[in-house]
Structures are given as C-alpha cells and as structure tokens.
PDB file of all heavy atoms in Angstrom:
ATOM      1  N   GLU A   1       0.857  -1.232   0.037  1.00  0.00           N
ATOM      2  CA  GLU A   1      -0.069   0.033   0.058  1.00  0.00           C
ATOM      3  C   GLU A   1       0.946   1.185  -0.015  1.00  0.00           C
ATOM      4  O   GLU A   1       1.848   1.388   0.672  1.00  0.00           O
ATOM      5  CB  GLU A   1      -0.923   0.012   1.159  1.00  0.00           C
ATOM      6  CG  GLU A   1      -2.099  -1.136   1.162  1.00  0.00           C
ATOM      7  CD  GLU A   1      -2.964  -0.839   2.332  1.00  0.00           C
ATOM      8  OE1 GLU A   1      -2.755  -0.126   3.289  1.00  0.00           O
ATOM      9  OE2 GLU A   1      -4.019  -1.651   2.234  1.00  0.00           O
ATOM     10  N   LYS A   2       0.582   2.133  -0.865  1.00  0.00           N
ATOM     11  CA  LYS A   2       1.290   3.473  -0.980  1.00  0.00           C
ATOM     12  C   LYS A   2       0.357   4.582  -0.612  1.00  0.00           C
ATOM     13  O   LYS A   2      -0.766   4.831  -1.282  1.00  0.00           O
ATOM     14  CB  LYS A   2       1.967   3.496  -2.257  1.00  0.00           C
ATOM     15  CG  LYS A   2       2.951   2.499  -2.652  1.00  0.00           C
ATOM     16  CD  LYS A   2       3.544   2.757  -4.032  1.00  0.00           C
ATOM     17  CE  LYS A   2       4.598   1.672  -4.359  1.00  0.00           C
ATOM     18  NZ  LYS A   2       5.100   1.856  -5.715  1.00  0.00           N
ATOM     19  N   LEU A   3       0.659   5.545   0.164  1.00  0.00           N
ATOM     20  CA  LEU A   3      -0.043   6.704   0.559  1.00  0.00           C
ATOM     21  C   LEU A   3       0.693   7.926  -0.246  1.00  0.00           C
ATOM     22  O   LEU A   3       1.884   8.075   0.012  1.00  0.00           O
ATOM     23  CB  LEU A   3       0.054   6.938   2.056  1.00  0.00           C
ATOM     24  CG  LEU A   3      -0.782   5.912   2.894  1.00  0.00           C
ATOM     25  CD1 LEU A   3      -0.631   6.290   4.385  1.00  0.00           C
ATOM     26  CD2 LEU A   3      -2.062   5.598   2.327  1.00  0.00           C
ATOM     27  N   ILE A   4      -0.191   8.583  -0.980  1.00  0.00           N
ATOM     28  CA  ILE A   4       0.328   9.661  -1.808  1.00  0.00           C
ATOM     29  C   ILE A   4      -0.448  11.037  -1.393  1.00  0.00           C
ATOM     30  O   ILE A   4      -1.639  10.965  -1.510  1.00  0.00           O
ATOM     31  CB  ILE A   4       0.173   9.446  -3.248  1.00  0.00           C
ATOM     32  CG1 ILE A   4       1.113   8.163  -3.654  1.00  0.00           C
ATOM     33  CG2 ILE A   4       0.713  10.597  -4.035  1.00  0.00           C
ATOM     34  CD1 ILE A   4       0.973   7.889  -5.106  1.00  0.00           C
ATOM     35  N   TYR A   5       0.201  11.964  -0.893  1.00  0.00           N
ATOM     36  CA  TYR A   5      -0.486  13.160  -0.528  1.00  0.00           C
ATOM     37  C   TYR A   5      -0.586  14.090  -1.771  1.00  0.00           C
ATOM     38  O   TYR A   5       0.432  14.478  -2.337  1.00  0.00           O
ATOM     39  CB  TYR A   5       0.332  13.927   0.570  1.00  0.00           C
ATOM     40  CG  TYR A   5       0.101  13.266   1.850  1.00  0.00           C
ATOM     41  CD1 TYR A   5       1.079  12.217   2.305  1.00  0.00           C
ATOM     42  CD2 TYR A   5      -0.896  13.578   2.788  1.00  0.00           C
ATOM     43  CE1 TYR A   5       0.971  11.607   3.552  1.00  0.00           C
ATOM     44  CE2 TYR A   5      -1.110  12.830   3.912  1.00  0.00           C
ATOM     45  CZ  TYR A   5      -0.123  11.878   4.269  1.00  0.00           C
ATOM     46  OH  TYR A   5      -0.203  11.263   5.529  1.00  0.00           O
ATOM     47  N   LEU A   6      -1.765  14.499  -2.249  1.00  0.00           N
ATOM     48  CA  LEU A   6      -1.889  15.218  -3.460  1.00  0.00           C
ATOM     49  C   LEU A   6      -2.014  16.701  -3.040  1.00  0.00           C
ATOM     50  O   LEU A   6      -2.374  17.112  -1.953  1.00  0.00           O
ATOM     51  CB  LEU A   6      -3.296  14.785  -4.140  1.00  0.00           C
ATOM     52  CG  LEU A   6      -3.350  13.303  -4.565  1.00  0.00           C
ATOM     53  CD1 LEU A   6      -4.620  13.170  -5.207  1.00  0.00           C
ATOM     54  CD2 LEU A   6      -2.086  12.990  -5.450  1.00  0.00           C
ATOM     55  N   PRO A   7      -1.625  17.492  -3.976  1.00  0.00           N
ATOM     56  CA  PRO A   7      -1.566  18.917  -3.707  1.00  0.00           C
ATOM     57  C   PRO A   7      -2.884  19.580  -3.107  1.00  0.00           C
ATOM     58  O   PRO A   7      -2.893  20.572  -2.370  1.00  0.00           O
ATOM     59  CB  PRO A   7      -1.199  19.682  -4.940  1.00  0.00           C
ATOM     60  CG  PRO A   7      -0.431  18.505  -5.703  1.00  0.00           C
ATOM     61  CD  PRO A   7      -0.988  17.169  -5.268  1.00  0.00           C
ATOM     62  N   VAL A   8      -4.034  18.987  -3.627  1.00  0.00           N
ATOM     63  CA  VAL A   8      -5.338  19.589  -3.274  1.00  0.00           C
ATOM     64  C   VAL A   8      -5.734  19.180  -1.899  1.00  0.00           C
ATOM     65  O   VAL A   8      -6.880  19.551  -1.409  1.00  0.00           O
ATOM     66  CB  VAL A   8      -6.442  19.245  -4.361  1.00  0.00           C
ATOM     67  CG1 VAL A   8      -6.069  19.881  -5.697  1.00  0.00           C
ATOM     68  CG2 VAL A   8      -6.474  17.723  -4.441  1.00  0.00           C
ATOM     69  N   GLY A   9      -4.927  18.375  -1.155  1.00  0.00           N
ATOM     70  CA  GLY A   9      -5.343  17.985   0.131  1.00  0.00           C
ATOM     71  C   GLY A   9      -6.226  16.672   0.282  1.00  0.00           C
ATOM     72  O   GLY A   9      -6.726  16.390   1.190  1.00  0.00           O
ATOM     73  N   VAL A  10      -6.376  16.037  -0.940  1.00  0.00           N
ATOM     74  CA  VAL A  10      -7.141  14.828  -0.977  1.00  0.00           C
ATOM     75  C   VAL A  10      -6.322  13.661  -0.736  1.00  0.00           C
ATOM     76  O   VAL A  10      -5.181  13.525  -1.376  1.00  0.00           O
ATOM     77  CB  VAL A  10      -7.934  14.682  -2.351  1.00  0.00           C
ATOM     78  CG1 VAL A  10      -8.635  13.390  -2.386  1.00  0.00           C
ATOM     79  CG2 VAL A  10      -8.839  15.887  -2.461  1.00  0.00           C
ATOM     80  N   LEU A  11      -6.570  12.787   0.122  1.00  0.00           N
ATOM     81  CA  LEU A  11      -5.856  11.525   0.428  1.00  0.00           C
ATOM     82  C   LEU A  11      -6.370  10.373  -0.422  1.00  0.00           C
ATOM     83  O   LEU A  11      -7.437  10.045  -0.312  1.00  0.00           O
ATOM     84  CB  LEU A  11      -5.868  11.162   1.846  1.00  0.00           C
ATOM     85  CG  LEU A  11      -5.128   9.886   2.337  1.00  0.00           C
ATOM     86  CD1 LEU A  11      -3.568  10.087   2.042  1.00  0.00           C
ATOM     87  CD2 LEU A  11      -5.418   9.598   3.737  1.00  0.00           C
ATOM     88  N   ALA A  12      -5.547   9.864  -1.245  1.00  0.00           N
ATOM     89  CA  ALA A  12      -6.018   8.624  -2.103  1.00  0.00           C
ATOM     90  C   ALA A  12      -5.096   7.419  -1.761  1.00  0.00           C
ATOM     91  O   ALA A  12      -3.867   7.543  -1.424  1.00  0.00           O
ATOM     92  CB  ALA A  12      -5.855   8.985  -3.593  1.00  0.00           C
ATOM     93  N   ILE A  13      -5.736   6.270  -1.776  1.00  0.00           N
ATOM     94  CA  ILE A  13      -4.986   4.979  -1.361  1.00  0.00           C
ATOM     95  C   ILE A  13      -4.917   4.321  -2.773  1.00  0.00           C
ATOM     96  O   ILE A  13      -5.863   3.947  -3.286  1.00  0.00           O
ATOM     97  CB  ILE A  13      -5.767   4.214  -0.366  1.00  0.00           C
ATOM     98  CG1 ILE A  13      -5.845   4.975   1.007  1.00  0.00           C
ATOM     99  CG2 ILE A  13      -5.097   2.918  -0.123  1.00  0.00           C
ATOM    100  CD1 ILE A  13      -6.669   4.218   2.008  1.00  0.00           C
ATOM    101  N   LEU A  14      -3.705   4.001  -3.069  1.00  0.00           N
ATOM    102  CA  LEU A  14      -3.454   3.228  -4.306  1.00  0.00           C
ATOM    103  C   LEU A  14      -2.919   1.865  -3.957  1.00  0.00           C
ATOM    104  O   LEU A  14      -1.939   1.755  -3.187  1.00  0.00           O
ATOM    105  CB  LEU A  14      -2.418   3.999  -5.143  1.00  0.00           C
ATOM    106  CG  LEU A  14      -2.625   5.381  -5.530  1.00  0.00           C
ATOM    107  CD1 LEU A  14      -1.563   5.994  -6.406  1.00  0.00           C
ATOM    108  CD2 LEU A  14      -4.064   5.580  -6.307  1.00  0.00           C
ATOM    109  N   THR A  15      -3.521   0.738  -4.358  1.00  0.00           N
ATOM    110  CA  THR A  15      -3.269  -0.571  -4.014  1.00  0.00           C
ATOM    111  C   THR A  15      -2.924  -1.295  -5.262  1.00  0.00           C
ATOM    112  O   THR A  15      -3.790  -1.395  -6.192  1.00  0.00           O
ATOM    113  CB  THR A  15      -4.481  -1.143  -3.208  1.00  0.00           C
ATOM    114  OG1 THR A  15      -4.798  -0.370  -2.099  1.00  0.00           O
ATOM    115  CG2 THR A  15      -4.038  -2.618  -2.765  1.00  0.00           C
ATOM    116  N   ALA A  16      -1.883  -1.947  -5.262  1.00  0.00           N
ATOM    117  CA  ALA A  16      -1.497  -2.870  -6.384  1.00  0.00           C
ATOM    118  C   ALA A  16      -1.933  -4.191  -6.152  1.00  0.00           C
ATOM    119  O   ALA A  16      -1.587  -4.929  -5.274  1.00  0.00           O
ATOM    120  CB  ALA A  16       0.014  -2.896  -6.491  1.00  0.00           C
ATOM    121  N   VAL A  17      -3.003  -4.642  -7.036  1.00  0.00           N
ATOM    122  CA  VAL A  17      -3.503  -6.061  -6.883  1.00  0.00           C
ATOM    123  C   VAL A  17      -3.225  -6.608  -8.363  1.00  0.00           C
ATOM    124  O   VAL A  17      -3.943  -6.270  -9.311  1.00  0.00           O
ATOM    125  CB  VAL A  17      -4.948  -5.974  -6.557  1.00  0.00           C
ATOM    126  CG1 VAL A  17      -5.428  -7.508  -6.401  1.00  0.00           C
ATOM    127  CG2 VAL A  17      -5.105  -5.201  -5.243  1.00  0.00           C
ATOM    128  N   SER A  18      -2.448  -7.701  -8.326  1.00  0.00           N
ATOM    129  CA  SER A  18      -2.243  -8.430  -9.617  1.00  0.00           C
ATOM    130  C   SER A  18      -1.733  -7.385 -10.825  1.00  0.00           C
ATOM    131  O   SER A  18      -2.355  -7.591 -11.925  1.00  0.00           O
ATOM    132  CB  SER A  18      -3.295  -9.228 -10.007  1.00  0.00           C
ATOM    133  OG  SER A  18      -3.571 -10.246  -8.940  1.00  0.00           O
ATOM    134  N   GLY A  19      -1.188  -6.355 -10.450  1.00  0.00           N
ATOM    135  CA  GLY A  19      -0.676  -5.434 -11.539  1.00  0.00           C
ATOM    136  C   GLY A  19      -1.781  -4.419 -11.922  1.00  0.00           C
ATOM    137  O   GLY A  19      -1.533  -3.609 -12.806  1.00  0.00           O
ATOM    138  N   VAL A  20      -3.051  -4.437 -11.298  1.00  0.00           N
ATOM    139  CA  VAL A  20      -4.067  -3.498 -11.689  1.00  0.00           C
ATOM    140  C   VAL A  20      -4.058  -2.418 -10.521  1.00  0.00           C
ATOM    141  O   VAL A  20      -4.185  -2.750  -9.303  1.00  0.00           O
ATOM    142  CB  VAL A  20      -5.479  -4.253 -11.714  1.00  0.00           C
ATOM    143  CG1 VAL A  20      -6.507  -3.219 -11.969  1.00  0.00           C
ATOM    144  CG2 VAL A  20      -5.414  -5.303 -12.839  1.00  0.00           C
ATOM    145  N   LEU A  21      -4.217  -1.219 -10.860  1.00  0.00           N
ATOM    146  CA  LEU A  21      -4.191  -0.107  -9.962  1.00  0.00           C
ATOM    147  C   LEU A  21      -5.607   0.295  -9.749  1.00  0.00           C
ATOM    148  O   LEU A  21      -6.302   0.708 -10.717  1.00  0.00           O
ATOM    149  CB  LEU A  21      -3.381   1.046 -10.504  1.00  0.00           C
ATOM    150  CG  LEU A  21      -2.795   1.924  -9.514  1.00  0.00           C
ATOM    151  CD1 LEU A  21      -1.860   1.269  -8.454  1.00  0.00           C
ATOM    152  CD2 LEU A  21      -1.997   3.066 -10.119  1.00  0.00           C
ATOM    153  N   LEU A  22      -6.113   0.327  -8.501  1.00  0.00           N
ATOM    154  CA  LEU A  22      -7.449   0.778  -8.147  1.00  0.00           C
ATOM    155  C   LEU A  22      -7.376   1.924  -7.266  1.00  0.00           C
ATOM    156  O   LEU A  22      -6.468   1.802  -6.363  1.00  0.00           O
ATOM    157  CB  LEU A  22      -8.316  -0.514  -7.433  1.00  0.00           C
ATOM    158  CG  LEU A  22      -8.447  -1.699  -8.236  1.00  0.00           C
ATOM    159  CD1 LEU A  22      -9.190  -2.689  -7.536  1.00  0.00           C
ATOM    160  CD2 LEU A  22      -9.146  -1.419  -9.619  1.00  0.00           C
ATOM    161  N   THR A  23      -8.321   2.912  -7.422  1.00  0.00           N
ATOM    162  CA  THR A  23      -8.294   4.013  -6.472  1.00  0.00           C
ATOM    163  C   THR A  23      -9.638   3.926  -5.691  1.00  0.00           C
ATOM    164  O   THR A  23     -10.473   3.211  -6.069  1.00  0.00           O
ATOM    165  CB  THR A  23      -8.226   5.387  -7.133  1.00  0.00           C
ATOM    166  OG1 THR A  23      -9.301   5.437  -8.112  1.00  0.00           O
ATOM    167  CG2 THR A  23      -6.897   5.420  -8.065  1.00  0.00           C
ATOM    168  N   SER A  24      -9.638   4.664  -4.663  1.00  0.00           N
ATOM    169  CA  SER A  24     -10.836   4.597  -3.694  1.00  0.00           C
ATOM    170  C   SER A  24     -12.135   4.882  -4.468  1.00  0.00           C
ATOM    171  O   SER A  24     -13.198   4.431  -4.135  1.00  0.00           O
ATOM    172  CB  SER A  24     -10.634   5.406  -2.530  1.00  0.00           C
ATOM    173  OG  SER A  24     -10.401   6.709  -2.882  1.00  0.00           O
ATOM    174  N   ASP A  25     -12.004   5.890  -5.384  1.00  0.00           N
ATOM    175  CA  ASP A  25     -13.239   6.235  -5.956  1.00  0.00           C
ATOM    176  C   ASP A  25     -13.888   5.381  -7.004  1.00  0.00           C
ATOM    177  O   ASP A  25     -14.918   5.460  -7.545  1.00  0.00           O
ATOM    178  CB  ASP A  25     -13.111   7.761  -6.653  1.00  0.00           C
ATOM    179  CG  ASP A  25     -12.081   7.746  -7.665  1.00  0.00           C
ATOM    180  OD1 ASP A  25     -11.313   6.721  -7.740  1.00  0.00           O
ATOM    181  OD2 ASP A  25     -11.916   8.753  -8.381  1.00  0.00           O
ATOM    182  N   GLU A  26     -13.002   4.289  -7.308  1.00  0.00           N
ATOM    183  CA  GLU A  26     -13.527   3.205  -8.253  1.00  0.00           C
ATOM    184  C   GLU A  26     -14.192   2.070  -7.535  1.00  0.00           C
ATOM    185  O   GLU A  26     -14.728   1.244  -8.049  1.00  0.00           O
ATOM    186  CB  GLU A  26     -12.344   2.694  -8.985  1.00  0.00           C
ATOM    187  CG  GLU A  26     -11.755   3.640 -10.013  1.00  0.00           C
ATOM    188  CD  GLU A  26     -10.562   3.177 -10.643  1.00  0.00           C
ATOM    189  OE1 GLU A  26      -9.859   2.200 -10.142  1.00  0.00           O
ATOM    190  OE2 GLU A  26     -10.078   3.708 -11.592  1.00  0.00           O
ATOM    191  N   THR A  27     -14.210   2.170  -6.088  1.00  0.00           N
ATOM    192  CA  THR A  27     -14.896   1.157  -5.349  1.00  0.00           C
ATOM    193  C   THR A  27     -16.327   1.390  -5.315  1.00  0.00           C
ATOM    194  O   THR A  27     -16.828   2.397  -5.154  1.00  0.00           O
ATOM    195  CB  THR A  27     -14.301   1.123  -3.871  1.00  0.00           C
ATOM    196  OG1 THR A  27     -12.895   0.973  -3.949  1.00  0.00           O
ATOM    197  CG2 THR A  27     -14.979   0.058  -3.010  1.00  0.00           C
ATOM    198  N   ASN A  28     -17.232   0.255  -5.445  1.00  0.00           N
ATOM    199  CA  ASN A  28     -18.577   0.345  -5.403  1.00  0.00           C
ATOM    200  C   ASN A  28     -19.189  -0.744  -4.592  1.00  0.00           C
ATOM    201  O   ASN A  28     -18.498  -1.542  -4.133  1.00  0.00           O
ATOM    202  CB  ASN A  28     -19.095   0.434  -6.887  1.00  0.00           C
ATOM    203  CG  ASN A  28     -18.799  -0.878  -7.681  1.00  0.00           C
ATOM    204  OD1 ASN A  28     -19.093  -1.940  -7.303  1.00  0.00           O
ATOM    205  ND2 ASN A  28     -18.032  -0.663  -8.788  1.00  0.00           N
ATOM    206  N   ALA A  29     -20.578  -0.747  -4.465  1.00  0.00           N
ATOM    207  CA  ALA A  29     -21.198  -1.616  -3.638  1.00  0.00           C
ATOM    208  C   ALA A  29     -21.121  -3.151  -3.966  1.00  0.00           C
ATOM    209  O   ALA A  29     -21.083  -3.959  -3.166  1.00  0.00           O
ATOM    210  CB  ALA A  29     -22.630  -1.239  -3.430  1.00  0.00           C
ATOM    211  N   GLU A  30     -20.953  -3.257  -5.209  1.00  0.00           N
ATOM    212  CA  GLU A  30     -20.835  -4.653  -5.786  1.00  0.00           C
ATOM    213  C   GLU A  30     -19.577  -5.338  -5.285  1.00  0.00           C
ATOM    214  O   GLU A  30     -19.439  -6.528  -5.474  1.00  0.00           O
ATOM    215  CB  GLU A  30     -20.997  -4.669  -7.275  1.00  0.00           C
ATOM    216  CG  GLU A  30     -22.311  -4.172  -7.843  1.00  0.00           C
ATOM    217  CD  GLU A  30     -22.480  -4.108  -9.323  1.00  0.00           C
ATOM    218  OE1 GLU A  30     -21.447  -4.301  -9.967  1.00  0.00           O
ATOM    219  OE2 GLU A  30     -23.513  -3.995  -9.745  1.00  0.00           O
ATOM    220  N   THR A  31     -18.548  -4.624  -4.963  1.00  0.00           N
ATOM    221  CA  THR A  31     -17.382  -5.193  -4.578  1.00  0.00           C
ATOM    222  C   THR A  31     -17.350  -5.663  -3.045  1.00  0.00           C
ATOM    223  O   THR A  31     -16.419  -6.180  -2.592  1.00  0.00           O
ATOM    224  CB  THR A  31     -16.186  -4.325  -4.777  1.00  0.00           C
ATOM    225  OG1 THR A  31     -16.270  -3.245  -3.924  1.00  0.00           O
ATOM    226  CG2 THR A  31     -15.988  -3.850  -6.301  1.00  0.00           C
ATOM    227  N   GLN A  32     -18.371  -5.337  -2.287  1.00  0.00           N
ATOM    228  CA  GLN A  32     -18.446  -5.655  -0.962  1.00  0.00           C
ATOM    229  C   GLN A  32     -19.305  -6.925  -0.781  1.00  0.00           C
ATOM    230  O   GLN A  32     -19.944  -7.422  -1.514  1.00  0.00           O
ATOM    231  CB  GLN A  32     -19.225  -4.442  -0.234  1.00  0.00           C
ATOM    232  CG  GLN A  32     -18.647  -3.087  -0.518  1.00  0.00           C
ATOM    233  CD  GLN A  32     -17.121  -2.992  -0.038  1.00  0.00           C
ATOM    234  OE1 GLN A  32     -16.863  -3.507   1.043  1.00  0.00           O
ATOM    235  NE2 GLN A  32     -16.371  -2.498  -1.077  1.00  0.00           N
ATOM    236  N   SER A  33     -18.908  -7.543   0.384  1.00  0.00           N
ATOM    237  CA  SER A  33     -19.652  -8.905   0.645  1.00  0.00           C
ATOM    238  C   SER A  33     -19.862  -9.063   2.181  1.00  0.00           C
ATOM    239  O   SER A  33     -19.177  -8.294   2.970  1.00  0.00           O
ATOM    240  CB  SER A  33     -18.768 -10.021   0.284  1.00  0.00           C
ATOM    241  OG  SER A  33     -17.520 -10.045   0.935  1.00  0.00           O
ATOM    242  N   ALA A  34     -20.873  -9.764   2.519  1.00  0.00           N
ATOM    243  CA  ALA A  34     -21.279  -9.971   3.925  1.00  0.00           C
ATOM    244  C   ALA A  34     -21.360 -11.498   4.137  1.00  0.00           C
ATOM    245  O   ALA A  34     -21.873 -12.262   3.212  1.00  0.00           O
ATOM    246  CB  ALA A  34     -22.572  -9.319   4.314  1.00  0.00           C
ATOM    247  N   THR A  35     -20.996 -11.970   5.210  1.00  0.00           N
ATOM    248  CA  THR A  35     -21.010 -13.460   5.474  1.00  0.00           C
ATOM    249  C   THR A  35     -22.108 -13.738   6.497  1.00  0.00           C
ATOM    250  O   THR A  35     -22.198 -13.136   7.601  1.00  0.00           O
ATOM    251  CB  THR A  35     -19.725 -13.873   6.064  1.00  0.00           C
ATOM    252  OG1 THR A  35     -18.649 -13.680   5.166  1.00  0.00           O
ATOM    253  CG2 THR A  35     -19.686 -15.576   6.292  1.00  0.00           C
ATOM    254  N   GLY A  36     -23.030 -14.739   6.070  1.00  0.00           N
ATOM    255  CA  GLY A  36     -24.112 -15.176   6.946  1.00  0.00           C
ATOM    256  C   GLY A  36     -23.820 -16.408   7.603  1.00  0.00           C
ATOM    257  O   GLY A  36     -23.104 -17.203   7.089  1.00  0.00           O
ATOM    258  N   LYS A  37     -24.162 -16.583   8.805  1.00  0.00           N
ATOM    259  CA  LYS A  37     -23.786 -17.758   9.604  1.00  0.00           C
ATOM    260  C   LYS A  37     -24.963 -18.252  10.470  1.00  0.00           C
ATOM    261  O   LYS A  37     -25.642 -17.424  11.220  1.00  0.00           O
ATOM    262  CB  LYS A  37     -22.589 -17.473  10.432  1.00  0.00           C
ATOM    263  CG  LYS A  37     -22.153 -18.662  11.358  1.00  0.00           C
ATOM    264  CD  LYS A  37     -20.931 -18.423  12.170  1.00  0.00           C
ATOM    265  CE  LYS A  37     -20.503 -19.529  12.970  1.00  0.00           C
ATOM    266  NZ  LYS A  37     -19.391 -19.263  13.788  1.00  0.00           N
ATOM    267  N   ILE A  38     -25.334 -19.495  10.438  1.00  0.00           N
ATOM    268  CA  ILE A  38     -26.379 -20.068  11.328  1.00  0.00           C
ATOM    269  C   ILE A  38     -25.677 -21.163  11.981  1.00  0.00           C
ATOM    270  O   ILE A  38     -24.835 -21.934  11.471  1.00  0.00           O
ATOM    271  CB  ILE A  38     -27.726 -20.473  10.584  1.00  0.00           C
ATOM    272  CG1 ILE A  38     -27.410 -21.557   9.475  1.00  0.00           C
ATOM    273  CG2 ILE A  38     -28.329 -19.226   9.970  1.00  0.00           C
ATOM    274  CD1 ILE A  38     -28.583 -22.226   9.056  1.00  0.00           C
ATOM    275  N   THR A  39     -26.251 -21.410  13.201  1.00  0.00           N
ATOM    276  CA  THR A  39     -25.822 -22.741  13.960  1.00  0.00           C
ATOM    277  C   THR A  39     -26.931 -23.650  14.138  1.00  0.00           C
ATOM    278  O   THR A  39     -28.022 -23.151  14.807  1.00  0.00           O
ATOM    279  CB  THR A  39     -25.171 -22.329  15.325  1.00  0.00           C
ATOM    280  OG1 THR A  39     -24.046 -21.443  15.009  1.00  0.00           O
ATOM    281  CG2 THR A  39     -24.741 -23.620  16.024  1.00  0.00           C
ATOM    282  N   VAL A  40     -26.859 -24.866  13.787  1.00  0.00           N
ATOM    283  CA  VAL A  40     -27.970 -25.846  14.099  1.00  0.00           C
ATOM    284  C   VAL A  40     -27.543 -26.765  15.194  1.00  0.00           C
ATOM    285  O   VAL A  40     -26.373 -27.338  15.209  1.00  0.00           O
ATOM    286  CB  VAL A  40     -28.199 -26.765  12.736  1.00  0.00           C
ATOM    287  CG1 VAL A  40     -29.201 -27.813  13.120  1.00  0.00           C
ATOM    288  CG2 VAL A  40     -28.572 -25.944  11.608  1.00  0.00           C
ATOM    289  N   GLU A  41     -28.273 -26.630  16.276  1.00  0.00           N
ATOM    290  CA  GLU A  41     -27.844 -27.356  17.493  1.00  0.00           C
ATOM    291  C   GLU A  41     -28.051 -28.866  17.318  1.00  0.00           C
ATOM    292  O   GLU A  41     -29.029 -29.396  16.535  1.00  0.00           O
ATOM    293  CB  GLU A  41     -28.842 -27.061  18.683  1.00  0.00           C
ATOM    294  CG  GLU A  41     -28.534 -25.483  19.069  1.00  0.00           C
ATOM    295  CD  GLU A  41     -27.196 -25.272  19.787  1.00  0.00           C
ATOM    296  OE1 GLU A  41     -26.570 -26.256  20.296  1.00  0.00           O
ATOM    297  OE2 GLU A  41     -26.851 -24.027  19.842  1.00  0.00           O
TER     298      GLU A  41
END
C-alpha cells in the first residue's frame, strides 16, 4: 500500500493487486460482501 499526498489535500489510497491499480473512488457496492452464519444445535 502506498500513501500519496496530493496537492489539493485529498488523500488517495493506491493498492497494487495483480498489476491492476485501483483508487478509492472506483470502489462500489458490488465489490463488498457479507457473510451469513447459522448454527444448528
């Protein structure tokens, strides 16, 4: 993870994943997940 301070005071996180560069503003709801769990006694 690399933190780059931009001149306009905006903090962006650039993450290298398999050679693809993603920025925070490209993240959307479809990339999120939730795990459900039930226990049967």
